[in-house]
PDB file of N, CA and C in Angstrom:
ATOM      1  N   MET A   1    -116.129 -55.549  66.081  1.00  0.00           N
ATOM      2  CA  MET A   1    -114.948 -54.476  65.748  1.00  0.00           C
ATOM      3  C   MET A   1    -113.748 -55.680  65.199  1.00  0.00           C
ATOM      4  N   ARG A   2    -113.005 -55.199  64.044  1.00  0.00           N
ATOM      5  CA  ARG A   2    -112.082 -55.745  63.641  1.00  0.00           C
ATOM      6  C   ARG A   2    -110.632 -55.230  64.180  1.00  0.00           C
ATOM      7  N   THR A   3    -109.952 -56.021  64.821  1.00  0.00           N
ATOM      8  CA  THR A   3    -108.550 -55.896  65.489  1.00  0.00           C
ATOM      9  C   THR A   3    -107.702 -55.907  64.292  1.00  0.00           C
ATOM     10  N   ASP A   4    -106.440 -55.331  64.692  1.00  0.00           N
ATOM     11  CA  ASP A   4    -105.414 -55.307  63.675  1.00  0.00           C
ATOM     12  C   ASP A   4    -104.715 -56.692  63.563  1.00  0.00           C
ATOM     13  N   ARG A   5    -104.928 -57.518  64.514  1.00  0.00           N
ATOM     14  CA  ARG A   5    -104.324 -58.809  64.185  1.00  0.00           C
ATOM     15  C   ARG A   5    -105.621 -59.454  63.454  1.00  0.00           C
ATOM     16  N   GLU A   6    -106.643 -59.423  63.154  1.00  0.00           N
ATOM     17  CA  GLU A   6    -107.565 -59.913  62.414  1.00  0.00           C
ATOM     18  C   GLU A   6    -107.189 -59.396  60.846  1.00  0.00           C
ATOM     19  N   ALA A   7    -106.838 -57.873  60.867  1.00  0.00           N
ATOM     20  CA  ALA A   7    -106.875 -57.375  59.383  1.00  0.00           C
ATOM     21  C   ALA A   7    -105.225 -57.810  58.911  1.00  0.00           C
ATOM     22  N   ILE A   8    -104.370 -58.042  59.794  1.00  0.00           N
ATOM     23  CA  ILE A   8    -103.149 -58.665  59.363  1.00  0.00           C
ATOM     24  C   ILE A   8    -103.314 -59.984  58.925  1.00  0.00           C
ATOM     25  N   SER A   9    -104.260 -60.796  59.580  1.00  0.00           N
ATOM     26  CA  SER A   9    -104.562 -62.115  59.237  1.00  0.00           C
ATOM     27  C   SER A   9    -105.030 -62.233  57.752  1.00  0.00           C
ATOM     28  N   GLN A  10    -106.023 -61.226  57.484  1.00  0.00           N
ATOM     29  CA  GLN A  10    -106.637 -61.341  56.259  1.00  0.00           C
ATOM     30  C   GLN A  10    -105.535 -60.810  55.248  1.00  0.00           C
ATOM     31  N   ILE A  11    -104.768 -59.922  55.455  1.00  0.00           N
ATOM     32  CA  ILE A  11    -103.907 -59.469  54.603  1.00  0.00           C
ATOM     33  C   ILE A  11    -102.907 -60.504  54.176  1.00  0.00           C
ATOM     34  N   SER A  12    -102.408 -61.155  55.170  1.00  0.00           N
ATOM     35  CA  SER A  12    -101.603 -62.403  55.066  1.00  0.00           C
ATOM     36  C   SER A  12    -102.235 -63.512  54.234  1.00  0.00           C
ATOM     37  N   ALA A  13    -103.454 -63.667  54.457  1.00  0.00           N
ATOM     38  CA  ALA A  13    -104.286 -64.770  53.717  1.00  0.00           C
ATOM     39  C   ALA A  13    -104.242 -64.189  52.170  1.00  0.00           C
ATOM     40  N   ALA A  14    -104.462 -63.041  52.080  1.00  0.00           N
ATOM     41  CA  ALA A  14    -104.480 -62.674  50.500  1.00  0.00           C
ATOM     42  C   ALA A  14    -103.019 -62.746  49.861  1.00  0.00           C
ATOM     43  N   ILE A  15    -102.245 -62.594  50.666  1.00  0.00           N
ATOM     44  CA  ILE A  15    -100.769 -62.720  49.975  1.00  0.00           C
ATOM     45  C   ILE A  15    -100.438 -64.139  49.508  1.00  0.00           C
ATOM     46  N   GLU A  16    -100.875 -64.896  50.384  1.00  0.00           N
ATOM     47  CA  GLU A  16    -100.505 -66.343  50.366  1.00  0.00           C
ATOM     48  C   GLU A  16    -101.462 -67.030  49.547  1.00  0.00           C
ATOM     49  N   ALA A  17    -102.692 -66.428  49.023  1.00  0.00           N
ATOM     50  CA  ALA A  17    -103.668 -67.205  48.557  1.00  0.00           C
ATOM     51  C   ALA A  17    -103.499 -68.146  47.128  1.00  0.00           C
ATOM     52  N   ASN A  18    -102.650 -67.654  46.518  1.00  0.00           N
ATOM     53  CA  ASN A  18    -102.328 -68.156  45.073  1.00  0.00           C
ATOM     54  C   ASN A  18    -101.153 -69.187  45.509  1.00  0.00           C
ATOM     55  N   GLY A  19    -100.448 -69.269  46.588  1.00  0.00           N
ATOM     56  CA  GLY A  19     -99.608 -70.294  46.870  1.00  0.00           C
ATOM     57  C   GLY A  19     -98.234 -70.041  46.252  1.00  0.00           C
ATOM     58  N   THR A  20     -97.864 -68.840  45.860  1.00  0.00           N
ATOM     59  CA  THR A  20     -96.711 -68.365  45.369  1.00  0.00           C
ATOM     60  C   THR A  20     -95.734 -67.451  46.128  1.00  0.00           C
ATOM     61  N   ALA A  21     -96.573 -66.906  46.958  1.00  0.00           N
ATOM     62  CA  ALA A  21     -95.714 -66.158  48.245  1.00  0.00           C
ATOM     63  C   ALA A  21     -95.887 -66.316  49.600  1.00  0.00           C
ATOM     64  N   ARG A  22     -94.959 -65.728  50.463  1.00  0.00           N
ATOM     65  CA  ARG A  22     -95.449 -66.013  51.919  1.00  0.00           C
ATOM     66  C   ARG A  22     -95.551 -64.730  52.384  1.00  0.00           C
ATOM     67  N   ALA A  23     -96.343 -64.682  53.485  1.00  0.00           N
ATOM     68  CA  ALA A  23     -96.586 -63.279  54.099  1.00  0.00           C
ATOM     69  C   ALA A  23     -95.500 -62.700  54.827  1.00  0.00           C
ATOM     70  N   ASP A  24     -94.262 -63.611  55.328  1.00  0.00           N
ATOM     71  CA  ASP A  24     -93.213 -63.092  56.148  1.00  0.00           C
ATOM     72  C   ASP A  24     -92.257 -62.715  54.943  1.00  0.00           C
ATOM     73  N   GLU A  25     -92.378 -62.725  53.596  1.00  0.00           N
ATOM     74  CA  GLU A  25     -91.626 -61.850  52.698  1.00  0.00           C
ATOM     75  C   GLU A  25     -91.976 -60.620  52.444  1.00  0.00           C
ATOM     76  N   TYR A  26     -93.195 -59.990  53.345  1.00  0.00           N
ATOM     77  CA  TYR A  26     -93.639 -58.813  53.277  1.00  0.00           C
ATOM     78  C   TYR A  26     -93.834 -58.097  54.558  1.00  0.00           C
ATOM     79  N   ASP A  27     -93.658 -56.630  54.792  1.00  0.00           N
ATOM     80  CA  ASP A  27     -93.999 -56.108  55.812  1.00  0.00           C
ATOM     81  C   ASP A  27     -95.541 -55.793  55.736  1.00  0.00           C
ATOM     82  N   VAL A  28     -96.139 -56.663  56.404  1.00  0.00           N
ATOM     83  CA  VAL A  28     -97.578 -56.858  56.493  1.00  0.00           C
ATOM     84  C   VAL A  28     -98.000 -55.565  57.269  1.00  0.00           C
ATOM     85  N   ARG A  29     -97.275 -55.075  58.424  1.00  0.00           N
ATOM     86  CA  ARG A  29     -97.810 -53.887  59.254  1.00  0.00           C
ATOM     87  C   ARG A  29     -97.867 -52.822  58.405  1.00  0.00           C
ATOM     88  N   ALA A  30     -96.752 -52.567  57.611  1.00  0.00           N
ATOM     89  CA  ALA A  30     -96.738 -51.261  56.717  1.00  0.00           C
ATOM     90  C   ALA A  30     -97.898 -51.502  55.554  1.00  0.00           C
ATOM     91  N   ILE A  31     -98.233 -52.598  55.136  1.00  0.00           N
ATOM     92  CA  ILE A  31     -99.222 -52.709  54.110  1.00  0.00           C
ATOM     93  C   ILE A  31    -100.700 -52.376  55.003  1.00  0.00           C
ATOM     94  N   LEU A  32    -100.534 -52.707  56.386  1.00  0.00           N
ATOM     95  CA  LEU A  32    -102.049 -52.534  56.939  1.00  0.00           C
ATOM     96  C   LEU A  32    -102.123 -51.105  57.275  1.00  0.00           C
ATOM     97  N   ASP A  33    -101.065 -50.338  57.432  1.00  0.00           N
ATOM     98  CA  ASP A  33    -101.031 -48.867  57.767  1.00  0.00           C
ATOM     99  C   ASP A  33    -101.256 -48.016  56.531  1.00  0.00           C
ATOM    100  N   ALA A  34    -100.875 -48.724  55.330  1.00  0.00           N
ATOM    101  CA  ALA A  34    -101.148 -48.111  53.985  1.00  0.00           C
ATOM    102  C   ALA A  34    -102.658 -48.190  53.436  1.00  0.00           C
ATOM    103  N   THR A  35    -103.292 -49.222  53.749  1.00  0.00           N
ATOM    104  CA  THR A  35    -104.314 -49.670  53.263  1.00  0.00           C
ATOM    105  C   THR A  35    -105.708 -49.590  54.216  1.00  0.00           C
ATOM    106  N   HIS A  36    -105.488 -49.512  55.418  1.00  0.00           N
ATOM    107  CA  HIS A  36    -106.580 -49.673  56.375  1.00  0.00           C
ATOM    108  C   HIS A  36    -106.774 -48.217  57.168  1.00  0.00           C
ATOM    109  N   GLU A  37    -107.830 -48.128  57.792  1.00  0.00           N
ATOM    110  CA  GLU A  37    -107.888 -46.952  58.677  1.00  0.00           C
ATOM    111  C   GLU A  37    -108.482 -47.430  59.985  1.00  0.00           C
ATOM    112  N   PHE A  38    -108.140 -46.928  61.244  1.00  0.00           N
ATOM    113  CA  PHE A  38    -109.037 -47.396  62.518  1.00  0.00           C
ATOM    114  C   PHE A  38    -110.292 -46.634  62.788  1.00  0.00           C
ATOM    115  N   THR A  39    -111.344 -47.335  63.048  1.00  0.00           N
ATOM    116  CA  THR A  39    -112.650 -46.295  63.626  1.00  0.00           C
ATOM    117  C   THR A  39    -112.871 -47.045  64.669  1.00  0.00           C
ATOM    118  N   PRO A  40    -113.221 -46.174  65.863  1.00  0.00           N
ATOM    119  CA  PRO A  40    -113.666 -46.681  67.117  1.00  0.00           C
ATOM    120  C   PRO A  40    -114.761 -47.828  66.984  1.00  0.00           C
ATOM    121  N   ARG A  41    -115.520 -47.605  66.145  1.00  0.00           N
ATOM    122  CA  ARG A  41    -116.872 -48.448  66.090  1.00  0.00           C
ATOM    123  C   ARG A  41    -116.553 -49.721  65.224  1.00  0.00           C
ATOM    124  N   ALA A  42    -115.831 -49.552  64.280  1.00  0.00           N
ATOM    125  CA  ALA A  42    -115.782 -50.833  63.108  1.00  0.00           C
ATOM    126  C   ALA A  42    -114.426 -51.489  63.298  1.00  0.00           C
ATOM    127  N   GLY A  43    -113.386 -50.624  63.939  1.00  0.00           N
ATOM    128  CA  GLY A  43    -111.913 -51.289  64.241  1.00  0.00           C
ATOM    129  C   GLY A  43    -111.168 -50.859  62.947  1.00  0.00           C
ATOM    130  N   PHE A  44    -110.464 -52.014  62.341  1.00  0.00           N
ATOM    131  CA  PHE A  44    -109.535 -51.628  61.025  1.00  0.00           C
ATOM    132  C   PHE A  44    -110.253 -51.934  59.920  1.00  0.00           C
ATOM    133  N   VAL A  45    -110.555 -51.120  59.182  1.00  0.00           N
ATOM    134  CA  VAL A  45    -111.266 -51.019  57.946  1.00  0.00           C
ATOM    135  C   VAL A  45    -110.458 -50.750  56.620  1.00  0.00           C
ATOM    136  N   GLN A  46    -110.509 -51.543  55.708  1.00  0.00           N
ATOM    137  CA  GLN A  46    -109.604 -51.496  54.383  1.00  0.00           C
ATOM    138  C   GLN A  46    -110.501 -50.179  53.769  1.00  0.00           C
ATOM    139  N   THR A  47    -109.465 -49.033  53.335  1.00  0.00           N
ATOM    140  CA  THR A  47    -109.995 -48.105  52.692  1.00  0.00           C
ATOM    141  C   THR A  47    -109.364 -47.908  51.264  1.00  0.00           C
ATOM    142  N   ALA A  48    -108.343 -48.936  50.818  1.00  0.00           N
ATOM    143  CA  ALA A  48    -107.726 -48.876  49.861  1.00  0.00           C
ATOM    144  C   ALA A  48    -108.526 -49.850  48.900  1.00  0.00           C
ATOM    145  N   THR A  49    -108.596 -49.374  47.475  1.00  0.00           N
ATOM    146  CA  THR A  49    -109.004 -50.248  46.317  1.00  0.00           C
ATOM    147  C   THR A  49    -108.290 -51.790  46.188  1.00  0.00           C
ATOM    148  N   VAL A  50    -108.905 -52.715  45.552  1.00  0.00           N
ATOM    149  CA  VAL A  50    -107.992 -53.802  45.334  1.00  0.00           C
ATOM    150  C   VAL A  50    -106.698 -53.861  44.522  1.00  0.00           C
ATOM    151  N   GLU A  51    -106.696 -52.533  43.523  1.00  0.00           N
ATOM    152  CA  GLU A  51    -105.398 -52.125  43.044  1.00  0.00           C
ATOM    153  C   GLU A  51    -104.462 -51.423  43.872  1.00  0.00           C
ATOM    154  N   GLU A  52    -104.997 -50.361  44.700  1.00  0.00           N
ATOM    155  CA  GLU A  52    -104.305 -49.753  45.647  1.00  0.00           C
ATOM    156  C   GLU A  52    -103.587 -50.800  46.700  1.00  0.00           C
ATOM    157  N   PHE A  53    -104.253 -51.825  47.054  1.00  0.00           N
ATOM    158  CA  PHE A  53    -104.031 -52.894  48.143  1.00  0.00           C
ATOM    159  C   PHE A  53    -102.629 -53.474  47.469  1.00  0.00           C
ATOM    160  N   TRP A  54    -102.448 -54.089  46.242  1.00  0.00           N
ATOM    161  CA  TRP A  54    -101.754 -54.951  45.927  1.00  0.00           C
ATOM    162  C   TRP A  54    -100.587 -53.878  45.332  1.00  0.00           C
ATOM    163  N   GLU A  55    -100.788 -52.570  45.005  1.00  0.00           N
ATOM    164  CA  GLU A  55     -99.630 -51.743  44.954  1.00  0.00           C
ATOM    165  C   GLU A  55     -98.969 -51.727  46.391  1.00  0.00           C
ATOM    166  N   ALA A  56     -99.470 -51.523  47.265  1.00  0.00           N
ATOM    167  CA  ALA A  56     -98.900 -51.457  48.666  1.00  0.00           C
ATOM    168  C   ALA A  56     -98.321 -52.780  49.207  1.00  0.00           C
ATOM    169  N   VAL A  57     -98.829 -53.926  48.354  1.00  0.00           N
ATOM    170  CA  VAL A  57     -98.251 -55.199  48.660  1.00  0.00           C
ATOM    171  C   VAL A  57     -96.863 -55.303  47.882  1.00  0.00           C
ATOM    172  N   GLY A  58     -96.989 -54.742  46.660  1.00  0.00           N
ATOM    173  CA  GLY A  58     -95.569 -54.601  46.031  1.00  0.00           C
ATOM    174  C   GLY A  58     -94.649 -53.700  46.544  1.00  0.00           C
ATOM    175  N   ARG A  59     -95.096 -52.458  47.011  1.00  0.00           N
ATOM    176  CA  ARG A  59     -94.066 -51.882  47.818  1.00  0.00           C
ATOM    177  C   ARG A  59     -93.362 -52.073  49.087  1.00  0.00           C
ATOM    178  N   ASN A  60     -94.038 -53.035  49.567  1.00  0.00           N
ATOM    179  CA  ASN A  60     -93.406 -53.411  50.901  1.00  0.00           C
ATOM    180  C   ASN A  60     -93.030 -54.934  50.948  1.00  0.00           C
ATOM    181  N   GLU A  61     -92.553 -55.440  49.732  1.00  0.00           N
ATOM    182  CA  GLU A  61     -91.732 -56.723  49.725  1.00  0.00           C
ATOM    183  C   GLU A  61     -90.222 -56.463  50.275  1.00  0.00           C
ATOM    184  N   LYS A  62     -90.403 -57.388  51.275  1.00  0.00           N
ATOM    185  CA  LYS A  62     -88.775 -57.423  52.054  1.00  0.00           C
ATOM    186  C   LYS A  62     -87.827 -57.668  51.288  1.00  0.00           C
ATOM    187  N   ALA A  63     -86.534 -57.276  51.501  1.00  0.00           N
ATOM    188  CA  ALA A  63     -85.175 -57.802  50.970  1.00  0.00           C
ATOM    189  C   ALA A  63     -85.028 -59.196  51.243  1.00  0.00           C
ATOM    190  N   PRO A  64     -84.374 -60.033  50.400  1.00  0.00           N
ATOM    191  CA  PRO A  64     -84.240 -61.527  50.654  1.00  0.00           C
ATOM    192  C   PRO A  64     -83.663 -61.689  52.227  1.00  0.00           C
ATOM    193  N   THR A  65     -82.691 -60.866  52.777  1.00  0.00           N
ATOM    194  CA  THR A  65     -82.094 -61.234  54.038  1.00  0.00           C
ATOM    195  C   THR A  65     -82.997 -60.744  55.094  1.00  0.00           C
ATOM    196  N   GLU A  66     -84.436 -59.927  54.791  1.00  0.00           N
ATOM    197  CA  GLU A  66     -85.491 -59.638  55.958  1.00  0.00           C
ATOM    198  C   GLU A  66     -86.369 -60.888  55.730  1.00  0.00           C
ATOM    199  N   ALA A  67     -86.669 -61.521  54.936  1.00  0.00           N
ATOM    200  CA  ALA A  67     -87.429 -62.350  54.763  1.00  0.00           C
ATOM    201  C   ALA A  67     -87.126 -63.764  55.084  1.00  0.00           C
ATOM    202  N   GLY A  68     -85.915 -63.686  55.549  1.00  0.00           N
ATOM    203  CA  GLY A  68     -85.288 -64.940  56.262  1.00  0.00           C
ATOM    204  C   GLY A  68     -84.585 -65.873  55.166  1.00  0.00           C
ATOM    205  N   ALA A  69     -84.007 -65.609  54.100  1.00  0.00           N
ATOM    206  CA  ALA A  69     -83.508 -66.061  52.926  1.00  0.00           C
ATOM    207  C   ALA A  69     -82.195 -66.787  53.588  1.00  0.00           C
ATOM    208  N   PHE A  70     -81.843 -67.996  53.054  1.00  0.00           N
ATOM    209  CA  PHE A  70     -80.768 -68.508  53.482  1.00  0.00           C
ATOM    210  C   PHE A  70     -79.320 -68.220  52.879  1.00  0.00           C
ATOM    211  N   HIS A  71     -78.343 -67.983  53.507  1.00  0.00           N
ATOM    212  CA  HIS A  71     -77.232 -67.397  53.307  1.00  0.00           C
ATOM    213  C   HIS A  71     -75.914 -68.012  53.733  1.00  0.00           C
ATOM    214  N   PRO A  72     -75.301 -68.709  52.787  1.00  0.00           N
ATOM    215  CA  PRO A  72     -74.228 -69.845  53.311  1.00  0.00           C
ATOM    216  C   PRO A  72     -73.185 -68.902  53.739  1.00  0.00           C
ATOM    217  N   ARG A  73     -72.411 -69.552  54.916  1.00  0.00           N
ATOM    218  CA  ARG A  73     -71.480 -68.755  55.241  1.00  0.00           C
ATOM    219  C   ARG A  73     -69.980 -69.338  54.588  1.00  0.00           C
TER     220      ARG A  73
END
């Protein structure tokens, strides 16, 4: 059974795979909710196509202040 932590880890790895983005720049939990379903036997299963997955990633990018951007005072 795949847990939510395992699914979140895979989503984070996909986001960071090309080296130009960090998972903390995205609401990974919202991406999980939009692209996966929970089944008692299998746990969290991706139900979105590859295109739908990346659309969900794009919709859930955090604003710079949420992602921990530096803001001088």
